[in-house]
Amino acid sequence: MAIVKSKLLKQLSKNYPNFLKKDLDKFINIILKEIKQSIKRNERVELRGFGVFSSNTQKARISRNPKTGEKVNTPEKKTIHFKMAKDLFKKLNNE
């Protein structure tokens, strides 16, 4: 099950009752905004113990429409790459 921002906010407010919900919401928004802006600037974002976000560039290529079989020009585009930290990998795999 995926976690949405509202559930994350509820969990944080339950774990940290001394903080106001609006402050926690601002905190989450600031962190997500900074991650987005850094990736947009082609910078690496490393969260120790969690993982690394980076952007990759896919070259322009000629691909094929699977339904019709016709050739389609696919332009160059950026994608986000995530590499999990070793600590998180170990926790997920009970090592």
PDB file of N, CA and C in Angstrom:
ATOM      1  N   MET A   1       0.837  -1.182   0.000  1.00  0.00           N
ATOM      2  CA  MET A   1       0.000   0.000   0.000  1.00  0.00           C
ATOM      3  C   MET A   1       0.880   1.243   0.000  1.00  0.00           C
ATOM      4  N   ALA A   2       0.578   2.170  -0.850  1.00  0.00           N
ATOM      5  CA  ALA A   2       1.342   3.415  -0.937  1.00  0.00           C
ATOM      6  C   ALA A   2       0.924   4.354   0.190  1.00  0.00           C
ATOM      7  N   ILE A   3       1.843   5.199   0.582  1.00  0.00           N
ATOM      8  CA  ILE A   3       1.514   6.189   1.604  1.00  0.00           C
ATOM      9  C   ILE A   3       1.319   7.536   0.912  1.00  0.00           C
ATOM     10  N   VAL A   4       0.254   8.207   1.271  1.00  0.00           N
ATOM     11  CA  VAL A   4      -0.023   9.531   0.715  1.00  0.00           C
ATOM     12  C   VAL A   4       0.355  10.573   1.752  1.00  0.00           C
ATOM     13  N   LYS A   5       0.481  11.804   1.292  1.00  0.00           N
ATOM     14  CA  LYS A   5       0.961  12.857   2.165  1.00  0.00           C
ATOM     15  C   LYS A   5       0.058  13.046   3.390  1.00  0.00           C
ATOM     16  N   SER A   6      -1.246  12.898   3.219  1.00  0.00           N
ATOM     17  CA  SER A   6      -2.166  13.083   4.351  1.00  0.00           C
ATOM     18  C   SER A   6      -1.947  12.009   5.422  1.00  0.00           C
ATOM     19  N   LYS A   7      -1.688  10.764   4.992  1.00  0.00           N
ATOM     20  CA  LYS A   7      -1.416   9.700   5.973  1.00  0.00           C
ATOM     21  C   LYS A   7      -0.079   9.918   6.661  1.00  0.00           C
ATOM     22  N   LEU A   8       0.896  10.402   5.916  1.00  0.00           N
ATOM     23  CA  LEU A   8       2.199  10.717   6.504  1.00  0.00           C
ATOM     24  C   LEU A   8       2.040  11.810   7.555  1.00  0.00           C
ATOM     25  N   LEU A   9       1.233  12.813   7.242  1.00  0.00           N
ATOM     26  CA  LEU A   9       0.981  13.911   8.173  1.00  0.00           C
ATOM     27  C   LEU A   9       0.289  13.400   9.436  1.00  0.00           C
ATOM     28  N   LYS A  10      -0.694  12.504   9.289  1.00  0.00           N
ATOM     29  CA  LYS A  10      -1.378  11.925  10.456  1.00  0.00           C
ATOM     30  C   LYS A  10      -0.398  11.149  11.333  1.00  0.00           C
ATOM     31  N   GLN A  11       0.457  10.349  10.697  1.00  0.00           N
ATOM     32  CA  GLN A  11       1.426   9.538  11.441  1.00  0.00           C
ATOM     33  C   GLN A  11       2.419  10.432  12.183  1.00  0.00           C
ATOM     34  N   LEU A  12       2.901  11.479  11.520  1.00  0.00           N
ATOM     35  CA  LEU A  12       3.837  12.393  12.178  1.00  0.00           C
ATOM     36  C   LEU A  12       3.179  13.124  13.337  1.00  0.00           C
ATOM     37  N   SER A  13       1.924  13.550  13.151  1.00  0.00           N
ATOM     38  CA  SER A  13       1.237  14.270  14.239  1.00  0.00           C
ATOM     39  C   SER A  13       0.949  13.341  15.418  1.00  0.00           C
ATOM     40  N   LYS A  14       0.757  12.050  15.139  1.00  0.00           N
ATOM     41  CA  LYS A  14       0.553  11.089  16.224  1.00  0.00           C
ATOM     42  C   LYS A  14       1.866  10.850  16.968  1.00  0.00           C
ATOM     43  N   ASN A  15       2.979  10.740  16.214  1.00  0.00           N
ATOM     44  CA  ASN A  15       4.278  10.477  16.832  1.00  0.00           C
ATOM     45  C   ASN A  15       4.864  11.702  17.524  1.00  0.00           C
ATOM     46  N   TYR A  16       4.518  12.892  17.038  1.00  0.00           N
ATOM     47  CA  TYR A  16       5.045  14.139  17.606  1.00  0.00           C
ATOM     48  C   TYR A  16       3.888  15.061  17.974  1.00  0.00           C
ATOM     49  N   PRO A  17       3.202  14.783  19.092  1.00  0.00           N
ATOM     50  CA  PRO A  17       2.016  15.567  19.453  1.00  0.00           C
ATOM     51  C   PRO A  17       2.331  17.013  19.851  1.00  0.00           C
ATOM     52  N   ASN A  18       3.590  17.326  20.155  1.00  0.00           N
ATOM     53  CA  ASN A  18       3.955  18.687  20.554  1.00  0.00           C
ATOM     54  C   ASN A  18       3.972  19.654  19.377  1.00  0.00           C
ATOM     55  N   PHE A  19       4.054  19.132  18.139  1.00  0.00           N
ATOM     56  CA  PHE A  19       4.080  19.987  16.962  1.00  0.00           C
ATOM     57  C   PHE A  19       2.663  20.189  16.435  1.00  0.00           C
ATOM     58  N   LEU A  20       2.388  21.374  15.945  1.00  0.00           N
ATOM     59  CA  LEU A  20       1.096  21.644  15.323  1.00  0.00           C
ATOM     60  C   LEU A  20       1.042  20.977  13.956  1.00  0.00           C
ATOM     61  N   LYS A  21      -0.171  20.570  13.552  1.00  0.00           N
ATOM     62  CA  LYS A  21      -0.325  19.909  12.252  1.00  0.00           C
ATOM     63  C   LYS A  21       0.090  20.821  11.111  1.00  0.00           C
ATOM     64  N   LYS A  22      -0.229  22.113  11.222  1.00  0.00           N
ATOM     65  CA  LYS A  22       0.120  23.039  10.135  1.00  0.00           C
ATOM     66  C   LYS A  22       1.632  23.195  10.004  1.00  0.00           C
ATOM     67  N   ASP A  23       2.348  23.103  11.129  1.00  0.00           N
ATOM     68  CA  ASP A  23       3.815  23.185  11.080  1.00  0.00           C
ATOM     69  C   ASP A  23       4.404  21.927  10.438  1.00  0.00           C
ATOM     70  N   LEU A  24       3.852  20.773  10.792  1.00  0.00           N
ATOM     71  CA  LEU A  24       4.317  19.522  10.189  1.00  0.00           C
ATOM     72  C   LEU A  24       4.023  19.507   8.690  1.00  0.00           C
ATOM     73  N   ASP A  25       2.872  20.039   8.292  1.00  0.00           N
ATOM     74  CA  ASP A  25       2.516  20.120   6.875  1.00  0.00           C
ATOM     75  C   ASP A  25       3.503  21.013   6.119  1.00  0.00           C
ATOM     76  N   LYS A  26       3.847  22.147   6.715  1.00  0.00           N
ATOM     77  CA  LYS A  26       4.839  23.041   6.100  1.00  0.00           C
ATOM     78  C   LYS A  26       6.189  22.340   5.970  1.00  0.00           C
ATOM     79  N   PHE A  27       6.557  21.605   7.001  1.00  0.00           N
ATOM     80  CA  PHE A  27       7.824  20.876   7.026  1.00  0.00           C
ATOM     81  C   PHE A  27       7.873  19.851   5.890  1.00  0.00           C
ATOM     82  N   ILE A  28       6.809  19.073   5.736  1.00  0.00           N
ATOM     83  CA  ILE A  28       6.741  18.072   4.669  1.00  0.00           C
ATOM     84  C   ILE A  28       6.824  18.749   3.306  1.00  0.00           C
ATOM     85  N   ASN A  29       6.072  19.840   3.129  1.00  0.00           N
ATOM     86  CA  ASN A  29       6.065  20.556   1.852  1.00  0.00           C
ATOM     87  C   ASN A  29       7.435  21.128   1.511  1.00  0.00           C
ATOM     88  N   ILE A  30       8.131  21.653   2.506  1.00  0.00           N
ATOM     89  CA  ILE A  30       9.471  22.216   2.285  1.00  0.00           C
ATOM     90  C   ILE A  30      10.436  21.119   1.843  1.00  0.00           C
ATOM     91  N   ILE A  31      10.397  19.984   2.523  1.00  0.00           N
ATOM     92  CA  ILE A  31      11.306  18.881   2.177  1.00  0.00           C
ATOM     93  C   ILE A  31      11.041  18.384   0.757  1.00  0.00           C
ATOM     94  N   LEU A  32       9.781  18.140   0.428  1.00  0.00           N
ATOM     95  CA  LEU A  32       9.440  17.647  -0.908  1.00  0.00           C
ATOM     96  C   LEU A  32       9.796  18.668  -1.988  1.00  0.00           C
ATOM     97  N   LYS A  33       9.564  19.949  -1.695  1.00  0.00           N
ATOM     98  CA  LYS A  33       9.889  21.003  -2.653  1.00  0.00           C
ATOM     99  C   LYS A  33      11.393  21.061  -2.915  1.00  0.00           C
ATOM    100  N   GLU A  34      12.187  20.941  -1.858  1.00  0.00           N
ATOM    101  CA  GLU A  34      13.650  20.980  -2.005  1.00  0.00           C
ATOM    102  C   GLU A  34      14.157  19.769  -2.793  1.00  0.00           C
ATOM    103  N   ILE A  35      13.573  18.608  -2.547  1.00  0.00           N
ATOM    104  CA  ILE A  35      13.972  17.415  -3.301  1.00  0.00           C
ATOM    105  C   ILE A  35      13.652  17.612  -4.781  1.00  0.00           C
ATOM    106  N   LYS A  36      12.446  18.108  -5.079  1.00  0.00           N
ATOM    107  CA  LYS A  36      12.041  18.343  -6.475  1.00  0.00           C
ATOM    108  C   LYS A  36      12.968  19.337  -7.159  1.00  0.00           C
ATOM    109  N   GLN A  37      13.260  20.446  -6.481  1.00  0.00           N
ATOM    110  CA  GLN A  37      14.110  21.481  -7.086  1.00  0.00           C
ATOM    111  C   GLN A  37      15.532  20.979  -7.313  1.00  0.00           C
ATOM    112  N   SER A  38      16.049  20.195  -6.391  1.00  0.00           N
ATOM    113  CA  SER A  38      17.404  19.660  -6.541  1.00  0.00           C
ATOM    114  C   SER A  38      17.485  18.701  -7.720  1.00  0.00           C
ATOM    115  N   ILE A  39      16.497  17.833  -7.853  1.00  0.00           N
ATOM    116  CA  ILE A  39      16.490  16.892  -8.974  1.00  0.00           C
ATOM    117  C   ILE A  39      16.342  17.652 -10.286  1.00  0.00           C
ATOM    118  N   LYS A  40      15.544  18.722 -10.279  1.00  0.00           N
ATOM    119  CA  LYS A  40      15.363  19.539 -11.483  1.00  0.00           C
ATOM    120  C   LYS A  40      16.694  20.184 -11.915  1.00  0.00           C
ATOM    121  N   ARG A  41      17.541  20.524 -10.924  1.00  0.00           N
ATOM    122  CA  ARG A  41      18.854  21.123 -11.214  1.00  0.00           C
ATOM    123  C   ARG A  41      19.920  20.075 -11.495  1.00  0.00           C
ATOM    124  N   ASN A  42      19.499  18.810 -11.677  1.00  0.00           N
ATOM    125  CA  ASN A  42      20.403  17.678 -11.928  1.00  0.00           C
ATOM    126  C   ASN A  42      21.353  17.420 -10.763  1.00  0.00           C
ATOM    127  N   GLU A  43      20.916  17.732  -9.558  1.00  0.00           N
ATOM    128  CA  GLU A  43      21.714  17.445  -8.374  1.00  0.00           C
ATOM    129  C   GLU A  43      21.232  16.137  -7.746  1.00  0.00           C
ATOM    130  N   ARG A  44      22.121  15.470  -7.063  1.00  0.00           N
ATOM    131  CA  ARG A  44      21.818  14.235  -6.360  1.00  0.00           C
ATOM    132  C   ARG A  44      21.244  14.576  -4.990  1.00  0.00           C
ATOM    133  N   VAL A  45      20.227  13.848  -4.553  1.00  0.00           N
ATOM    134  CA  VAL A  45      19.657  14.042  -3.217  1.00  0.00           C
ATOM    135  C   VAL A  45      19.889  12.765  -2.432  1.00  0.00           C
ATOM    136  N   GLU A  46      20.680  12.869  -1.379  1.00  0.00           N
ATOM    137  CA  GLU A  46      21.011  11.692  -0.574  1.00  0.00           C
ATOM    138  C   GLU A  46      20.376  11.825   0.800  1.00  0.00           C
ATOM    139  N   LEU A  47      19.551  10.854   1.159  1.00  0.00           N
ATOM    140  CA  LEU A  47      18.953  10.789   2.489  1.00  0.00           C
ATOM    141  C   LEU A  47      19.578   9.582   3.175  1.00  0.00           C
ATOM    142  N   ARG A  48      20.498   9.829   4.085  1.00  0.00           N
ATOM    143  CA  ARG A  48      21.259   8.755   4.730  1.00  0.00           C
ATOM    144  C   ARG A  48      20.330   7.745   5.377  1.00  0.00           C
ATOM    145  N   GLY A  49      20.601   6.489   5.135  1.00  0.00           N
ATOM    146  CA  GLY A  49      19.796   5.418   5.698  1.00  0.00           C
ATOM    147  C   GLY A  49      18.526   5.136   4.911  1.00  0.00           C
ATOM    148  N   PHE A  50      18.222   5.959   3.900  1.00  0.00           N
ATOM    149  CA  PHE A  50      17.024   5.759   3.096  1.00  0.00           C
ATOM    150  C   PHE A  50      17.366   5.487   1.644  1.00  0.00           C
ATOM    151  N   GLY A  51      18.080   6.421   1.009  1.00  0.00           N
ATOM    152  CA  GLY A  51      18.465   6.212  -0.379  1.00  0.00           C
ATOM    153  C   GLY A  51      18.897   7.489  -1.072  1.00  0.00           C
ATOM    154  N   VAL A  52      19.134   7.359  -2.375  1.00  0.00           N
ATOM    155  CA  VAL A  52      19.614   8.471  -3.194  1.00  0.00           C
ATOM    156  C   VAL A  52      18.680   8.664  -4.388  1.00  0.00           C
ATOM    157  N   PHE A  53      18.262   9.903  -4.602  1.00  0.00           N
ATOM    158  CA  PHE A  53      17.482  10.269  -5.777  1.00  0.00           C
ATOM    159  C   PHE A  53      18.407  10.990  -6.743  1.00  0.00           C
ATOM    160  N   SER A  54      18.336  10.645  -8.014  1.00  0.00           N
ATOM    161  CA  SER A  54      19.105  11.360  -9.034  1.00  0.00           C
ATOM    162  C   SER A  54      18.299  11.361 -10.321  1.00  0.00           C
ATOM    163  N   SER A  55      18.702  12.222 -11.252  1.00  0.00           N
ATOM    164  CA  SER A  55      17.974  12.270 -12.528  1.00  0.00           C
ATOM    165  C   SER A  55      18.836  11.669 -13.634  1.00  0.00           C
ATOM    166  N   ASN A  56      18.201  10.935 -14.518  1.00  0.00           N
ATOM    167  CA  ASN A  56      18.851  10.356 -15.689  1.00  0.00           C
ATOM    168  C   ASN A  56      18.230  10.973 -16.929  1.00  0.00           C
ATOM    169  N   THR A  57      18.996  11.044 -18.005  1.00  0.00           N
ATOM    170  CA  THR A  57      18.469  11.540 -19.260  1.00  0.00           C
ATOM    171  C   THR A  57      18.372  10.387 -20.235  1.00  0.00           C
ATOM    172  N   GLN A  58      17.178  10.147 -20.737  1.00  0.00           N
ATOM    173  CA  GLN A  58      16.989   9.131 -21.769  1.00  0.00           C
ATOM    174  C   GLN A  58      17.156   9.806 -23.118  1.00  0.00           C
ATOM    175  N   LYS A  59      17.980   9.215 -23.972  1.00  0.00           N
ATOM    176  CA  LYS A  59      18.232   9.787 -25.284  1.00  0.00           C
ATOM    177  C   LYS A  59      16.987   9.701 -26.159  1.00  0.00           C
ATOM    178  N   ALA A  60      16.913  10.594 -27.140  1.00  0.00           N
ATOM    179  CA  ALA A  60      15.826  10.537 -28.115  1.00  0.00           C
ATOM    180  C   ALA A  60      15.993   9.271 -28.937  1.00  0.00           C
ATOM    181  N   ARG A  61      14.884   8.637 -29.281  1.00  0.00           N
ATOM    182  CA  ARG A  61      14.983   7.394 -30.039  1.00  0.00           C
ATOM    183  C   ARG A  61      13.730   7.205 -30.879  1.00  0.00           C
ATOM    184  N   ILE A  62      13.817   6.243 -31.748  1.00  0.00           N
ATOM    185  CA  ILE A  62      12.658   5.877 -32.551  1.00  0.00           C
ATOM    186  C   ILE A  62      12.078   4.611 -31.926  1.00  0.00           C
ATOM    187  N   SER A  63      10.845   4.718 -31.447  1.00  0.00           N
ATOM    188  CA  SER A  63      10.192   3.571 -30.824  1.00  0.00           C
ATOM    189  C   SER A  63       9.018   3.135 -31.694  1.00  0.00           C
ATOM    190  N   ARG A  64       8.318   2.139 -31.230  1.00  0.00           N
ATOM    191  CA  ARG A  64       7.241   1.568 -32.031  1.00  0.00           C
ATOM    192  C   ARG A  64       5.947   1.569 -31.215  1.00  0.00           C
ATOM    193  N   ASN A  65       4.857   1.974 -31.845  1.00  0.00           N
ATOM    194  CA  ASN A  65       3.541   1.909 -31.224  1.00  0.00           C
ATOM    195  C   ASN A  65       3.110   0.438 -31.223  1.00  0.00           C
ATOM    196  N   PRO A  66       2.918  -0.177 -30.028  1.00  0.00           N
ATOM    197  CA  PRO A  66       2.612  -1.607 -29.996  1.00  0.00           C
ATOM    198  C   PRO A  66       1.256  -1.963 -30.613  1.00  0.00           C
ATOM    199  N   LYS A  67       0.340  -1.014 -30.615  1.00  0.00           N
ATOM    200  CA  LYS A  67      -0.995  -1.308 -31.151  1.00  0.00           C
ATOM    201  C   LYS A  67      -1.003  -1.325 -32.679  1.00  0.00           C
ATOM    202  N   THR A  68      -0.367  -0.297 -33.278  1.00  0.00           N
ATOM    203  CA  THR A  68      -0.397  -0.188 -34.737  1.00  0.00           C
ATOM    204  C   THR A  68       0.878  -0.672 -35.403  1.00  0.00           C
ATOM    205  N   GLY A  69       1.982  -0.693 -34.663  1.00  0.00           N
ATOM    206  CA  GLY A  69       3.250  -1.120 -35.233  1.00  0.00           C
ATOM    207  C   GLY A  69       3.997  -0.008 -35.948  1.00  0.00           C
ATOM    208  N   GLU A  70       3.427   1.197 -35.993  1.00  0.00           N
ATOM    209  CA  GLU A  70       4.101   2.291 -36.698  1.00  0.00           C
ATOM    210  C   GLU A  70       5.228   2.868 -35.844  1.00  0.00           C
ATOM    211  N   LYS A  71       6.234   3.433 -36.507  1.00  0.00           N
ATOM    212  CA  LYS A  71       7.367   4.027 -35.819  1.00  0.00           C
ATOM    213  C   LYS A  71       6.966   5.403 -35.285  1.00  0.00           C
ATOM    214  N   VAL A  72       7.446   5.692 -34.065  1.00  0.00           N
ATOM    215  CA  VAL A  72       7.128   6.950 -33.403  1.00  0.00           C
ATOM    216  C   VAL A  72       8.423   7.564 -32.891  1.00  0.00           C
ATOM    217  N   ASN A  73       8.583   8.863 -33.101  1.00  0.00           N
ATOM    218  CA  ASN A  73       9.743   9.576 -32.575  1.00  0.00           C
ATOM    219  C   ASN A  73       9.514   9.850 -31.097  1.00  0.00           C
ATOM    220  N   THR A  74      10.405   9.377 -30.245  1.00  0.00           N
ATOM    221  CA  THR A  74      10.325   9.646 -28.813  1.00  0.00           C
ATOM    222  C   THR A  74      11.416  10.652 -28.486  1.00  0.00           C
ATOM    223  N   PRO A  75      11.048  11.839 -27.985  1.00  0.00           N
ATOM    224  CA  PRO A  75      12.054  12.868 -27.696  1.00  0.00           C
ATOM    225  C   PRO A  75      12.878  12.532 -26.450  1.00  0.00           C
ATOM    226  N   GLU A  76      13.969  13.257 -26.272  1.00  0.00           N
ATOM    227  CA  GLU A  76      14.800  13.098 -25.087  1.00  0.00           C
ATOM    228  C   GLU A  76      13.985  13.496 -23.863  1.00  0.00           C
ATOM    229  N   LYS A  77      14.140  12.751 -22.765  1.00  0.00           N
ATOM    230  CA  LYS A  77      13.404  13.085 -21.550  1.00  0.00           C
ATOM    231  C   LYS A  77      14.212  12.709 -20.322  1.00  0.00           C
ATOM    232  N   LYS A  78      13.859  13.335 -19.207  1.00  0.00           N
ATOM    233  CA  LYS A  78      14.529  13.063 -17.943  1.00  0.00           C
ATOM    234  C   LYS A  78      13.670  12.134 -17.105  1.00  0.00           C
ATOM    235  N   THR A  79      14.329  11.234 -16.386  1.00  0.00           N
ATOM    236  CA  THR A  79      13.645  10.322 -15.479  1.00  0.00           C
ATOM    237  C   THR A  79      14.321  10.408 -14.113  1.00  0.00           C
ATOM    238  N   ILE A  80      13.614   9.965 -13.097  1.00  0.00           N
ATOM    239  CA  ILE A  80      14.165   9.957 -11.745  1.00  0.00           C
ATOM    240  C   ILE A  80      14.633   8.543 -11.419  1.00  0.00           C
ATOM    241  N   HIS A  81      15.829   8.461 -10.876  1.00  0.00           N
ATOM    242  CA  HIS A  81      16.403   7.174 -10.478  1.00  0.00           C
ATOM    243  C   HIS A  81      16.523   7.173  -8.956  1.00  0.00           C
ATOM    244  N   PHE A  82      16.111   6.072  -8.323  1.00  0.00           N
ATOM    245  CA  PHE A  82      16.217   5.937  -6.878  1.00  0.00           C
ATOM    246  C   PHE A  82      17.055   4.706  -6.560  1.00  0.00           C
ATOM    247  N   LYS A  83      18.058   4.886  -5.723  1.00  0.00           N
ATOM    248  CA  LYS A  83      18.859   3.754  -5.270  1.00  0.00           C
ATOM    249  C   LYS A  83      18.717   3.667  -3.758  1.00  0.00           C
ATOM    250  N   MET A  84      18.277   2.501  -3.313  1.00  0.00           N
ATOM    251  CA  MET A  84      18.021   2.264  -1.901  1.00  0.00           C
ATOM    252  C   MET A  84      19.332   2.169  -1.119  1.00  0.00           C
ATOM    253  N   ALA A  85      19.312   2.678   0.116  1.00  0.00           N
ATOM    254  CA  ALA A  85      20.469   2.567   0.996  1.00  0.00           C
ATOM    255  C   ALA A  85      20.604   1.132   1.500  1.00  0.00           C
ATOM    256  N   LYS A  86      21.831   0.740   1.826  1.00  0.00           N
ATOM    257  CA  LYS A  86      22.079  -0.616   2.308  1.00  0.00           C
ATOM    258  C   LYS A  86      21.306  -0.908   3.597  1.00  0.00           C
ATOM    259  N   ASP A  87      21.199   0.086   4.482  1.00  0.00           N
ATOM    260  CA  ASP A  87      20.466  -0.093   5.740  1.00  0.00           C
ATOM    261  C   ASP A  87      19.013  -0.430   5.475  1.00  0.00           C
ATOM    262  N   LEU A  88      18.384   0.302   4.568  1.00  0.00           N
ATOM    263  CA  LEU A  88      16.988   0.063   4.231  1.00  0.00           C
ATOM    264  C   LEU A  88      16.827  -1.298   3.569  1.00  0.00           C
ATOM    265  N   PHE A  89      17.760  -1.658   2.690  1.00  0.00           N
ATOM    266  CA  PHE A  89      17.725  -2.968   2.026  1.00  0.00           C
ATOM    267  C   PHE A  89      17.765  -4.091   3.059  1.00  0.00           C
ATOM    268  N   LYS A  90      18.646  -3.948   4.048  1.00  0.00           N
ATOM    269  CA  LYS A  90      18.770  -4.968   5.087  1.00  0.00           C
ATOM    270  C   LYS A  90      17.501  -5.071   5.922  1.00  0.00           C
ATOM    271  N   LYS A  91      16.898  -3.936   6.253  1.00  0.00           N
ATOM    272  CA  LYS A  91      15.661  -3.955   7.039  1.00  0.00           C
ATOM    273  C   LYS A  91      14.525  -4.585   6.269  1.00  0.00           C
ATOM    274  N   LEU A  92      14.445  -4.302   4.972  1.00  0.00           N
ATOM    275  CA  LEU A  92      13.374  -4.882   4.145  1.00  0.00           C
ATOM    276  C   LEU A  92      13.525  -6.387   3.987  1.00  0.00           C
ATOM    277  N   ASN A  93      14.765  -6.845   3.964  1.00  0.00           N
ATOM    278  CA  ASN A  93      15.026  -8.264   3.752  1.00  0.00           C
ATOM    279  C   ASN A  93      15.372  -9.015   5.029  1.00  0.00           C
ATOM    280  N   ASN A  94      15.104  -8.397   6.178  1.00  0.00           N
ATOM    281  CA  ASN A  94      15.315  -9.023   7.488  1.00  0.00           C
ATOM    282  C   ASN A  94      16.714  -9.600   7.663  1.00  0.00           C
ATOM    283  N   GLU A  95      17.707  -8.848   7.283  1.00  0.00           N
ATOM    284  CA  GLU A  95      19.096  -9.290   7.444  1.00  0.00           C
ATOM    285  C   GLU A  95      19.720  -8.663   8.665  1.00  0.00           C
TER     286      GLU A  95
END
